[in-house]
Amino acid sequence: IKANFVTEKNISGALVIIENEKNISNCNNKIVLIENADPGYEFLFTKNIKGIITKYGGVNSHMSIRCSELNIPAAIGIGEKKFLKFKDQKFINLNCKLNSINTL
C-alpha cells in the first residue's frame, strides 16, 4: 500500500482520532486520523486542523482533492497496518515531502 501525500509540508503535532461527526474532540491545530477519505468528513475543514491521515483513499479521493485545494498536509490511504500503529499515538510527524509518518 502506497499512501498519497498531499503538499510538501513537514508538520508535527498532537494526533486526534475522529470516528464520526458526533465524537469530535478539539481538532484545532491537530493532525486528524480518520478511516475514510470521503465527503462525510468535509466538516473537518471548518475545524482549523493541522493535517489529515486516512486509512483508506487514494490520489483521486475527496480528501486528497480538498487537502490539495486548501494546502493541508495529508497522507491519504496509509492502509490498515499503519493506521492501527498510529491510532495509539499521541504525537506524530507528517513529512509529506519525504512521504513519511513517524511517531514522536
PDB file of N, CA and C in Angstrom:
ATOM      1  N   ILE A   1       0.845  -1.171   0.000  1.00  0.00           N
ATOM      2  CA  ILE A   1       0.000   0.000   0.000  1.00  0.00           C
ATOM      3  C   ILE A   1       0.890   1.234   0.000  1.00  0.00           C
ATOM      4  N   LYS A   2       0.616   2.118  -0.935  1.00  0.00           N
ATOM      5  CA  LYS A   2       1.377   3.358  -1.023  1.00  0.00           C
ATOM      6  C   LYS A   2       0.433   4.534  -0.822  1.00  0.00           C
ATOM      7  N   ALA A   3       0.664   5.271   0.228  1.00  0.00           N
ATOM      8  CA  ALA A   3      -0.178   6.423   0.551  1.00  0.00           C
ATOM      9  C   ALA A   3       0.054   7.564  -0.430  1.00  0.00           C
ATOM     10  N   ASN A   4      -0.957   8.393  -0.575  1.00  0.00           N
ATOM     11  CA  ASN A   4      -0.845   9.614  -1.351  1.00  0.00           C
ATOM     12  C   ASN A   4      -0.562  10.762  -0.385  1.00  0.00           C
ATOM     13  N   PHE A   5       0.597  11.385  -0.517  1.00  0.00           N
ATOM     14  CA  PHE A   5       0.957  12.515   0.337  1.00  0.00           C
ATOM     15  C   PHE A   5       0.633  13.812  -0.389  1.00  0.00           C
ATOM     16  N   VAL A   6      -0.045  14.703   0.330  1.00  0.00           N
ATOM     17  CA  VAL A   6      -0.517  15.961  -0.250  1.00  0.00           C
ATOM     18  C   VAL A   6       0.288  17.109   0.349  1.00  0.00           C
ATOM     19  N   THR A   7       0.760  17.988  -0.452  1.00  0.00           N
ATOM     20  CA  THR A   7       1.650  19.119  -0.164  1.00  0.00           C
ATOM     21  C   THR A   7       3.077  18.602   0.013  1.00  0.00           C
ATOM     22  N   GLU A   8       3.978  19.493   0.283  1.00  0.00           N
ATOM     23  CA  GLU A   8       5.363  19.124   0.592  1.00  0.00           C
ATOM     24  C   GLU A   8       5.743  19.610   1.984  1.00  0.00           C
ATOM     25  N   LYS A   9       4.744  19.822   2.816  1.00  0.00           N
ATOM     26  CA  LYS A   9       4.967  20.337   4.165  1.00  0.00           C
ATOM     27  C   LYS A   9       5.450  19.242   5.112  1.00  0.00           C
ATOM     28  N   ASN A  10       6.150  19.680   6.153  1.00  0.00           N
ATOM     29  CA  ASN A  10       6.611  18.821   7.237  1.00  0.00           C
ATOM     30  C   ASN A  10       6.023  19.381   8.532  1.00  0.00           C
ATOM     31  N   ILE A  11       5.096  18.642   9.132  1.00  0.00           N
ATOM     32  CA  ILE A  11       4.432  19.129  10.348  1.00  0.00           C
ATOM     33  C   ILE A  11       4.541  18.089  11.459  1.00  0.00           C
ATOM     34  N   SER A  12       4.500  18.569  12.672  1.00  0.00           N
ATOM     35  CA  SER A  12       4.446  17.702  13.848  1.00  0.00           C
ATOM     36  C   SER A  12       3.349  18.241  14.746  1.00  0.00           C
ATOM     37  N   GLY A  13       2.722  17.331  15.482  1.00  0.00           N
ATOM     38  CA  GLY A  13       1.699  17.797  16.400  1.00  0.00           C
ATOM     39  C   GLY A  13       0.937  16.685  17.063  1.00  0.00           C
ATOM     40  N   ALA A  14      -0.014  17.093  17.881  1.00  0.00           N
ATOM     41  CA  ALA A  14      -0.879  16.153  18.582  1.00  0.00           C
ATOM     42  C   ALA A  14      -1.799  15.472  17.578  1.00  0.00           C
ATOM     43  N   LEU A  15      -2.079  14.210  17.830  1.00  0.00           N
ATOM     44  CA  LEU A  15      -2.942  13.410  16.973  1.00  0.00           C
ATOM     45  C   LEU A  15      -4.291  13.223  17.644  1.00  0.00           C
ATOM     46  N   VAL A  16      -5.368  13.394  16.869  1.00  0.00           N
ATOM     47  CA  VAL A  16      -6.716  13.162  17.376  1.00  0.00           C
ATOM     48  C   VAL A  16      -7.420  12.207  16.418  1.00  0.00           C
ATOM     49  N   ILE A  17      -8.099  11.217  16.977  1.00  0.00           N
ATOM     50  CA  ILE A  17      -8.820  10.231  16.178  1.00  0.00           C
ATOM     51  C   ILE A  17     -10.293  10.620  16.127  1.00  0.00           C
ATOM     52  N   ILE A  18     -10.821  10.706  14.911  1.00  0.00           N
ATOM     53  CA  ILE A  18     -12.223  11.054  14.706  1.00  0.00           C
ATOM     54  C   ILE A  18     -12.909   9.858  14.044  1.00  0.00           C
ATOM     55  N   GLU A  19     -13.952   9.342  14.709  1.00  0.00           N
ATOM     56  CA  GLU A  19     -14.669   8.200  14.155  1.00  0.00           C
ATOM     57  C   GLU A  19     -15.971   8.598  13.470  1.00  0.00           C
ATOM     58  N   ASN A  20     -16.547   9.704  13.850  1.00  0.00           N
ATOM     59  CA  ASN A  20     -17.719  10.250  13.165  1.00  0.00           C
ATOM     60  C   ASN A  20     -17.930  11.682  13.647  1.00  0.00           C
ATOM     61  N   GLU A  21     -18.859  12.354  13.029  1.00  0.00           N
ATOM     62  CA  GLU A  21     -19.079  13.774  13.348  1.00  0.00           C
ATOM     63  C   GLU A  21     -19.527  13.979  14.790  1.00  0.00           C
ATOM     64  N   LYS A  22     -20.114  12.975  15.399  1.00  0.00           N
ATOM     65  CA  LYS A  22     -20.624  13.106  16.762  1.00  0.00           C
ATOM     66  C   LYS A  22     -19.525  13.055  17.824  1.00  0.00           C
ATOM     67  N   ASN A  23     -18.386  12.422  17.521  1.00  0.00           N
ATOM     68  CA  ASN A  23     -17.346  12.306  18.547  1.00  0.00           C
ATOM     69  C   ASN A  23     -16.178  13.250  18.307  1.00  0.00           C
ATOM     70  N   ILE A  24     -16.476  14.418  17.767  1.00  0.00           N
ATOM     71  CA  ILE A  24     -15.411  15.394  17.512  1.00  0.00           C
ATOM     72  C   ILE A  24     -14.897  15.933  18.839  1.00  0.00           C
ATOM     73  N   SER A  25     -13.616  15.769  19.033  1.00  0.00           N
ATOM     74  CA  SER A  25     -12.987  16.426  20.171  1.00  0.00           C
ATOM     75  C   SER A  25     -12.339  17.700  19.612  1.00  0.00           C
ATOM     76  N   ASN A  26     -11.544  18.340  20.379  1.00  0.00           N
ATOM     77  CA  ASN A  26     -10.896  19.559  19.913  1.00  0.00           C
ATOM     78  C   ASN A  26      -9.897  19.224  18.802  1.00  0.00           C
ATOM     79  N   CYS A  27     -10.209  19.612  17.594  1.00  0.00           N
ATOM     80  CA  CYS A  27      -9.350  19.348  16.436  1.00  0.00           C
ATOM     81  C   CYS A  27      -8.445  20.523  16.097  1.00  0.00           C
ATOM     82  N   ASN A  28      -8.655  21.639  16.765  1.00  0.00           N
ATOM     83  CA  ASN A  28      -7.913  22.846  16.451  1.00  0.00           C
ATOM     84  C   ASN A  28      -6.404  22.615  16.532  1.00  0.00           C
ATOM     85  N   ASN A  29      -5.733  22.859  15.410  1.00  0.00           N
ATOM     86  CA  ASN A  29      -4.280  22.756  15.318  1.00  0.00           C
ATOM     87  C   ASN A  29      -3.753  21.348  15.620  1.00  0.00           C
ATOM     88  N   LYS A  30      -4.535  20.323  15.282  1.00  0.00           N
ATOM     89  CA  LYS A  30      -4.125  18.934  15.485  1.00  0.00           C
ATOM     90  C   LYS A  30      -4.125  18.181  14.164  1.00  0.00           C
ATOM     91  N   ILE A  31      -3.389  17.088  14.142  1.00  0.00           N
ATOM     92  CA  ILE A  31      -3.389  16.182  12.996  1.00  0.00           C
ATOM     93  C   ILE A  31      -4.500  15.173  13.245  1.00  0.00           C
ATOM     94  N   VAL A  32      -5.389  15.031  12.273  1.00  0.00           N
ATOM     95  CA  VAL A  32      -6.574  14.201  12.421  1.00  0.00           C
ATOM     96  C   VAL A  32      -6.357  12.840  11.760  1.00  0.00           C
ATOM     97  N   LEU A  33      -6.739  11.786  12.472  1.00  0.00           N
ATOM     98  CA  LEU A  33      -6.672  10.429  11.955  1.00  0.00           C
ATOM     99  C   LEU A  33      -8.099   9.935  11.745  1.00  0.00           C
ATOM    100  N   ILE A  34      -8.434   9.586  10.497  1.00  0.00           N
ATOM    101  CA  ILE A  34      -9.770   9.082  10.170  1.00  0.00           C
ATOM    102  C   ILE A  34      -9.645   7.858   9.274  1.00  0.00           C
ATOM    103  N   GLU A  35     -10.701   7.038   9.235  1.00  0.00           N
ATOM    104  CA  GLU A  35     -10.660   5.841   8.399  1.00  0.00           C
ATOM    105  C   GLU A  35     -10.820   6.141   6.919  1.00  0.00           C
ATOM    106  N   ASN A  36     -11.857   6.879   6.564  1.00  0.00           N
ATOM    107  CA  ASN A  36     -12.213   7.056   5.154  1.00  0.00           C
ATOM    108  C   ASN A  36     -11.906   8.456   4.643  1.00  0.00           C
ATOM    109  N   ALA A  37     -11.590   8.520   3.378  1.00  0.00           N
ATOM    110  CA  ALA A  37     -11.303   9.799   2.737  1.00  0.00           C
ATOM    111  C   ALA A  37     -12.495  10.228   1.900  1.00  0.00           C
ATOM    112  N   ASP A  38     -13.673  10.244   2.524  1.00  0.00           N
ATOM    113  CA  ASP A  38     -14.886  10.536   1.766  1.00  0.00           C
ATOM    114  C   ASP A  38     -15.523  11.858   2.190  1.00  0.00           C
ATOM    115  N   PRO A  39     -16.505  12.327   1.438  1.00  0.00           N
ATOM    116  CA  PRO A  39     -17.142  13.624   1.727  1.00  0.00           C
ATOM    117  C   PRO A  39     -17.821  13.704   3.089  1.00  0.00           C
ATOM    118  N   GLY A  40     -18.051  12.586   3.745  1.00  0.00           N
ATOM    119  CA  GLY A  40     -18.684  12.602   5.057  1.00  0.00           C
ATOM    120  C   GLY A  40     -17.847  13.303   6.122  1.00  0.00           C
ATOM    121  N   TYR A  41     -16.582  13.527   5.829  1.00  0.00           N
ATOM    122  CA  TYR A  41     -15.690  14.202   6.775  1.00  0.00           C
ATOM    123  C   TYR A  41     -15.381  15.640   6.361  1.00  0.00           C
ATOM    124  N   GLU A  42     -16.163  16.191   5.465  1.00  0.00           N
ATOM    125  CA  GLU A  42     -15.976  17.563   4.994  1.00  0.00           C
ATOM    126  C   GLU A  42     -15.975  18.562   6.147  1.00  0.00           C
ATOM    127  N   PHE A  43     -16.728  18.285   7.198  1.00  0.00           N
ATOM    128  CA  PHE A  43     -16.807  19.190   8.356  1.00  0.00           C
ATOM    129  C   PHE A  43     -15.445  19.454   8.983  1.00  0.00           C
ATOM    130  N   LEU A  44     -14.477  18.566   8.794  1.00  0.00           N
ATOM    131  CA  LEU A  44     -13.142  18.752   9.374  1.00  0.00           C
ATOM    132  C   LEU A  44     -12.468  20.032   8.879  1.00  0.00           C
ATOM    133  N   PHE A  45     -12.803  20.434   7.673  1.00  0.00           N
ATOM    134  CA  PHE A  45     -12.162  21.620   7.101  1.00  0.00           C
ATOM    135  C   PHE A  45     -12.639  22.916   7.743  1.00  0.00           C
ATOM    136  N   THR A  46     -13.622  22.832   8.610  1.00  0.00           N
ATOM    137  CA  THR A  46     -14.085  24.011   9.359  1.00  0.00           C
ATOM    138  C   THR A  46     -13.479  24.048  10.759  1.00  0.00           C
ATOM    139  N   LYS A  47     -12.610  23.092  11.089  1.00  0.00           N
ATOM    140  CA  LYS A  47     -12.089  22.933  12.449  1.00  0.00           C
ATOM    141  C   LYS A  47     -10.635  23.372  12.631  1.00  0.00           C
ATOM    142  N   ASN A  48     -10.053  24.072  11.653  1.00  0.00           N
ATOM    143  CA  ASN A  48      -8.673  24.555  11.754  1.00  0.00           C
ATOM    144  C   ASN A  48      -7.687  23.422  12.061  1.00  0.00           C
ATOM    145  N   ILE A  49      -7.806  22.327  11.294  1.00  0.00           N
ATOM    146  CA  ILE A  49      -6.924  21.182  11.501  1.00  0.00           C
ATOM    147  C   ILE A  49      -5.534  21.463  10.933  1.00  0.00           C
ATOM    148  N   LYS A  50      -4.559  20.751  11.458  1.00  0.00           N
ATOM    149  CA  LYS A  50      -3.169  20.913  11.038  1.00  0.00           C
ATOM    150  C   LYS A  50      -2.840  19.979   9.872  1.00  0.00           C
ATOM    151  N   GLY A  51      -3.454  18.797   9.851  1.00  0.00           N
ATOM    152  CA  GLY A  51      -3.203  17.810   8.810  1.00  0.00           C
ATOM    153  C   GLY A  51      -4.178  16.652   8.937  1.00  0.00           C
ATOM    154  N   ILE A  52      -4.156  15.757   7.949  1.00  0.00           N
ATOM    155  CA  ILE A  52      -5.059  14.605   7.922  1.00  0.00           C
ATOM    156  C   ILE A  52      -4.292  13.352   7.528  1.00  0.00           C
ATOM    157  N   ILE A  53      -4.623  12.249   8.202  1.00  0.00           N
ATOM    158  CA  ILE A  53      -4.121  10.926   7.839  1.00  0.00           C
ATOM    159  C   ILE A  53      -5.335  10.006   7.749  1.00  0.00           C
ATOM    160  N   THR A  54      -5.461   9.257   6.635  1.00  0.00           N
ATOM    161  CA  THR A  54      -6.583   8.341   6.481  1.00  0.00           C
ATOM    162  C   THR A  54      -6.103   6.914   6.245  1.00  0.00           C
ATOM    163  N   LYS A  55      -6.951   5.975   6.655  1.00  0.00           N
ATOM    164  CA  LYS A  55      -6.677   4.555   6.411  1.00  0.00           C
ATOM    165  C   LYS A  55      -6.909   4.211   4.941  1.00  0.00           C
ATOM    166  N   TYR A  56      -8.037   4.649   4.420  1.00  0.00           N
ATOM    167  CA  TYR A  56      -8.424   4.351   3.044  1.00  0.00           C
ATOM    168  C   TYR A  56      -8.420   5.616   2.201  1.00  0.00           C
ATOM    169  N   GLY A  57      -8.355   5.430   0.896  1.00  0.00           N
ATOM    170  CA  GLY A  57      -8.422   6.546  -0.032  1.00  0.00           C
ATOM    171  C   GLY A  57      -7.216   6.573  -0.945  1.00  0.00           C
ATOM    172  N   GLY A  58      -7.286   7.407  -1.947  1.00  0.00           N
ATOM    173  CA  GLY A  58      -6.206   7.498  -2.916  1.00  0.00           C
ATOM    174  C   GLY A  58      -6.069   8.894  -3.474  1.00  0.00           C
ATOM    175  N   VAL A  59      -5.313   9.002  -4.524  1.00  0.00           N
ATOM    176  CA  VAL A  59      -4.988  10.292  -5.112  1.00  0.00           C
ATOM    177  C   VAL A  59      -6.232  11.035  -5.602  1.00  0.00           C
ATOM    178  N   ASN A  60      -7.256  10.321  -6.024  1.00  0.00           N
ATOM    179  CA  ASN A  60      -8.467  10.964  -6.525  1.00  0.00           C
ATOM    180  C   ASN A  60      -9.589  11.022  -5.499  1.00  0.00           C
ATOM    181  N   SER A  61      -9.294  10.686  -4.261  1.00  0.00           N
ATOM    182  CA  SER A  61     -10.333  10.709  -3.226  1.00  0.00           C
ATOM    183  C   SER A  61     -10.706  12.148  -2.877  1.00  0.00           C
ATOM    184  N   HIS A  62     -11.861  12.279  -2.279  1.00  0.00           N
ATOM    185  CA  HIS A  62     -12.360  13.599  -1.877  1.00  0.00           C
ATOM    186  C   HIS A  62     -11.354  14.315  -0.973  1.00  0.00           C
ATOM    187  N   MET A  63     -10.808  13.620   0.020  1.00  0.00           N
ATOM    188  CA  MET A  63      -9.871  14.250   0.962  1.00  0.00           C
ATOM    189  C   MET A  63      -8.585  14.685   0.278  1.00  0.00           C
ATOM    190  N   SER A  64      -8.082  13.887  -0.646  1.00  0.00           N
ATOM    191  CA  SER A  64      -6.868  14.285  -1.372  1.00  0.00           C
ATOM    192  C   SER A  64      -7.090  15.582  -2.133  1.00  0.00           C
ATOM    193  N   ILE A  65      -8.209  15.643  -2.815  1.00  0.00           N
ATOM    194  CA  ILE A  65      -8.517  16.826  -3.610  1.00  0.00           C
ATOM    195  C   ILE A  65      -8.719  18.055  -2.723  1.00  0.00           C
ATOM    196  N   ARG A  66      -9.494  17.909  -1.647  1.00  0.00           N
ATOM    197  CA  ARG A  66      -9.762  19.047  -0.755  1.00  0.00           C
ATOM    198  C   ARG A  66      -8.483  19.501  -0.039  1.00  0.00           C
ATOM    199  N   CYS A  67      -7.665  18.562   0.413  1.00  0.00           N
ATOM    200  CA  CYS A  67      -6.410  18.940   1.085  1.00  0.00           C
ATOM    201  C   CYS A  67      -5.487  19.673   0.122  1.00  0.00           C
ATOM    202  N   SER A  68      -5.462  19.230  -1.119  1.00  0.00           N
ATOM    203  CA  SER A  68      -4.656  19.906  -2.122  1.00  0.00           C
ATOM    204  C   SER A  68      -5.169  21.322  -2.361  1.00  0.00           C
ATOM    205  N   GLU A  69      -6.480  21.477  -2.477  1.00  0.00           N
ATOM    206  CA  GLU A  69      -7.080  22.804  -2.686  1.00  0.00           C
ATOM    207  C   GLU A  69      -6.786  23.751  -1.529  1.00  0.00           C
ATOM    208  N   LEU A  70      -6.812  23.219  -0.305  1.00  0.00           N
ATOM    209  CA  LEU A  70      -6.659  24.046   0.892  1.00  0.00           C
ATOM    210  C   LEU A  70      -5.230  24.070   1.436  1.00  0.00           C
ATOM    211  N   ASN A  71      -4.322  23.376   0.749  1.00  0.00           N
ATOM    212  CA  ASN A  71      -2.908  23.308   1.144  1.00  0.00           C
ATOM    213  C   ASN A  71      -2.731  22.727   2.557  1.00  0.00           C
ATOM    214  N   ILE A  72      -3.497  21.678   2.850  1.00  0.00           N
ATOM    215  CA  ILE A  72      -3.421  20.993   4.139  1.00  0.00           C
ATOM    216  C   ILE A  72      -2.604  19.721   3.959  1.00  0.00           C
ATOM    217  N   PRO A  73      -1.538  19.538   4.731  1.00  0.00           N
ATOM    218  CA  PRO A  73      -0.740  18.312   4.620  1.00  0.00           C
ATOM    219  C   PRO A  73      -1.585  17.079   4.931  1.00  0.00           C
ATOM    220  N   ALA A  74      -1.382  16.024   4.133  1.00  0.00           N
ATOM    221  CA  ALA A  74      -2.168  14.820   4.334  1.00  0.00           C
ATOM    222  C   ALA A  74      -1.424  13.593   3.838  1.00  0.00           C
ATOM    223  N   ALA A  75      -1.747  12.465   4.466  1.00  0.00           N
ATOM    224  CA  ALA A  75      -1.336  11.143   3.994  1.00  0.00           C
ATOM    225  C   ALA A  75      -2.639  10.375   3.819  1.00  0.00           C
ATOM    226  N   ILE A  76      -3.028  10.141   2.585  1.00  0.00           N
ATOM    227  CA  ILE A  76      -4.305   9.529   2.268  1.00  0.00           C
ATOM    228  C   ILE A  76      -4.085   8.077   1.863  1.00  0.00           C
ATOM    229  N   GLY A  77      -4.752   7.168   2.577  1.00  0.00           N
ATOM    230  CA  GLY A  77      -4.679   5.747   2.245  1.00  0.00           C
ATOM    231  C   GLY A  77      -3.420   5.057   2.744  1.00  0.00           C
ATOM    232  N   ILE A  78      -3.151   5.158   4.045  1.00  0.00           N
ATOM    233  CA  ILE A  78      -1.930   4.552   4.598  1.00  0.00           C
ATOM    234  C   ILE A  78      -2.068   3.051   4.842  1.00  0.00           C
ATOM    235  N   GLY A  79      -3.287   2.540   4.787  1.00  0.00           N
ATOM    236  CA  GLY A  79      -3.509   1.112   4.994  1.00  0.00           C
ATOM    237  C   GLY A  79      -3.790   0.769   6.446  1.00  0.00           C
ATOM    238  N   GLU A  80      -4.312  -0.432   6.634  1.00  0.00           N
ATOM    239  CA  GLU A  80      -4.758  -0.861   7.956  1.00  0.00           C
ATOM    240  C   GLU A  80      -3.618  -1.037   8.960  1.00  0.00           C
ATOM    241  N   LYS A  81      -2.523  -1.628   8.541  1.00  0.00           N
ATOM    242  CA  LYS A  81      -1.405  -1.893   9.457  1.00  0.00           C
ATOM    243  C   LYS A  81      -0.845  -0.596  10.052  1.00  0.00           C
ATOM    244  N   LYS A  82      -0.553   0.373   9.211  1.00  0.00           N
ATOM    245  CA  LYS A  82      -0.020   1.646   9.701  1.00  0.00           C
ATOM    246  C   LYS A  82      -1.073   2.421  10.483  1.00  0.00           C
ATOM    247  N   PHE A  83      -2.326   2.358  10.016  1.00  0.00           N
ATOM    248  CA  PHE A  83      -3.405   3.050  10.717  1.00  0.00           C
ATOM    249  C   PHE A  83      -3.497   2.561  12.161  1.00  0.00           C
ATOM    250  N   LEU A  84      -3.472   1.257  12.362  1.00  0.00           N
ATOM    251  CA  LEU A  84      -3.550   0.694  13.711  1.00  0.00           C
ATOM    252  C   LEU A  84      -2.332   1.089  14.550  1.00  0.00           C
ATOM    253  N   LYS A  85      -1.177   1.167  13.928  1.00  0.00           N
ATOM    254  CA  LYS A  85       0.043   1.588  14.631  1.00  0.00           C
ATOM    255  C   LYS A  85      -0.091   3.025  15.141  1.00  0.00           C
ATOM    256  N   PHE A  86      -0.578   3.910  14.296  1.00  0.00           N
ATOM    257  CA  PHE A  86      -0.668   5.322  14.662  1.00  0.00           C
ATOM    258  C   PHE A  86      -1.857   5.622  15.561  1.00  0.00           C
ATOM    259  N   LYS A  87      -2.860   4.771  15.550  1.00  0.00           N
ATOM    260  CA  LYS A  87      -4.084   5.006  16.321  1.00  0.00           C
ATOM    261  C   LYS A  87      -3.813   5.156  17.822  1.00  0.00           C
ATOM    262  N   ASP A  88      -2.765   4.549  18.316  1.00  0.00           N
ATOM    263  CA  ASP A  88      -2.430   4.601  19.744  1.00  0.00           C
ATOM    264  C   ASP A  88      -1.434   5.702  20.097  1.00  0.00           C
ATOM    265  N   GLN A  89      -1.068   6.511  19.135  1.00  0.00           N
ATOM    266  CA  GLN A  89      -0.058   7.546  19.368  1.00  0.00           C
ATOM    267  C   GLN A  89      -0.689   8.869  19.790  1.00  0.00           C
ATOM    268  N   LYS A  90       0.076   9.653  20.511  1.00  0.00           N
ATOM    269  CA  LYS A  90      -0.381  10.979  20.954  1.00  0.00           C
ATOM    270  C   LYS A  90       0.176  12.096  20.077  1.00  0.00           C
ATOM    271  N   PHE A  91       1.408  11.931  19.609  1.00  0.00           N
ATOM    272  CA  PHE A  91       2.070  12.943  18.786  1.00  0.00           C
ATOM    273  C   PHE A  91       2.688  12.265  17.568  1.00  0.00           C
ATOM    274  N   ILE A  92       2.697  12.998  16.455  1.00  0.00           N
ATOM    275  CA  ILE A  92       3.161  12.413  15.204  1.00  0.00           C
ATOM    276  C   ILE A  92       3.837  13.464  14.335  1.00  0.00           C
ATOM    277  N   ASN A  93       4.743  13.018  13.476  1.00  0.00           N
ATOM    278  CA  ASN A  93       5.369  13.878  12.477  1.00  0.00           C
ATOM    279  C   ASN A  93       4.900  13.404  11.106  1.00  0.00           C
ATOM    280  N   LEU A  94       4.358  14.310  10.330  1.00  0.00           N
ATOM    281  CA  LEU A  94       3.902  14.018   8.977  1.00  0.00           C
ATOM    282  C   LEU A  94       4.762  14.826   8.022  1.00  0.00           C
ATOM    283  N   ASN A  95       5.653  14.142   7.322  1.00  0.00           N
ATOM    284  CA  ASN A  95       6.556  14.800   6.395  1.00  0.00           C
ATOM    285  C   ASN A  95       6.136  14.418   4.980  1.00  0.00           C
ATOM    286  N   CYS A  96       5.349  15.273   4.361  1.00  0.00           N
ATOM    287  CA  CYS A  96       4.817  14.982   3.036  1.00  0.00           C
ATOM    288  C   CYS A  96       5.885  15.026   1.955  1.00  0.00           C
ATOM    289  N   LYS A  97       6.880  15.870   2.120  1.00  0.00           N
ATOM    290  CA  LYS A  97       7.957  15.953   1.133  1.00  0.00           C
ATOM    291  C   LYS A  97       8.742  14.649   1.065  1.00  0.00           C
ATOM    292  N   LEU A  98       8.950  14.026   2.217  1.00  0.00           N
ATOM    293  CA  LEU A  98       9.688  12.747   2.265  1.00  0.00           C
ATOM    294  C   LEU A  98       8.776  11.531   2.249  1.00  0.00           C
ATOM    295  N   ASN A  99       7.458  11.772   2.135  1.00  0.00           N
ATOM    296  CA  ASN A  99       6.469  10.674   2.150  1.00  0.00           C
ATOM    297  C   ASN A  99       6.632   9.779   3.378  1.00  0.00           C
ATOM    298  N   SER A 100       6.683  10.410   4.546  1.00  0.00           N
ATOM    299  CA  SER A 100       6.870   9.624   5.779  1.00  0.00           C
ATOM    300  C   SER A 100       5.992  10.123   6.918  1.00  0.00           C
ATOM    301  N   ILE A 101       5.685   9.180   7.793  1.00  0.00           N
ATOM    302  CA  ILE A 101       4.947   9.464   9.022  1.00  0.00           C
ATOM    303  C   ILE A 101       5.707   8.784  10.152  1.00  0.00           C
ATOM    304  N   ASN A 102       6.013   9.526  11.196  1.00  0.00           N
ATOM    305  CA  ASN A 102       6.772   8.980  12.313  1.00  0.00           C
ATOM    306  C   ASN A 102       6.126   9.379  13.632  1.00  0.00           C
ATOM    307  N   THR A 103       6.253   8.500  14.599  1.00  0.00           N
ATOM    308  CA  THR A 103       5.752   8.822  15.951  1.00  0.00           C
ATOM    309  C   THR A 103       6.778   9.669  16.676  1.00  0.00           C
ATOM    310  N   LEU A 104       6.305  10.455  17.617  1.00  0.00           N
ATOM    311  CA  LEU A 104       7.199  11.316  18.410  1.00  0.00           C
ATOM    312  C   LEU A 104       7.181  10.879  19.867  1.00  0.00           C
TER     313      LEU A 104
END
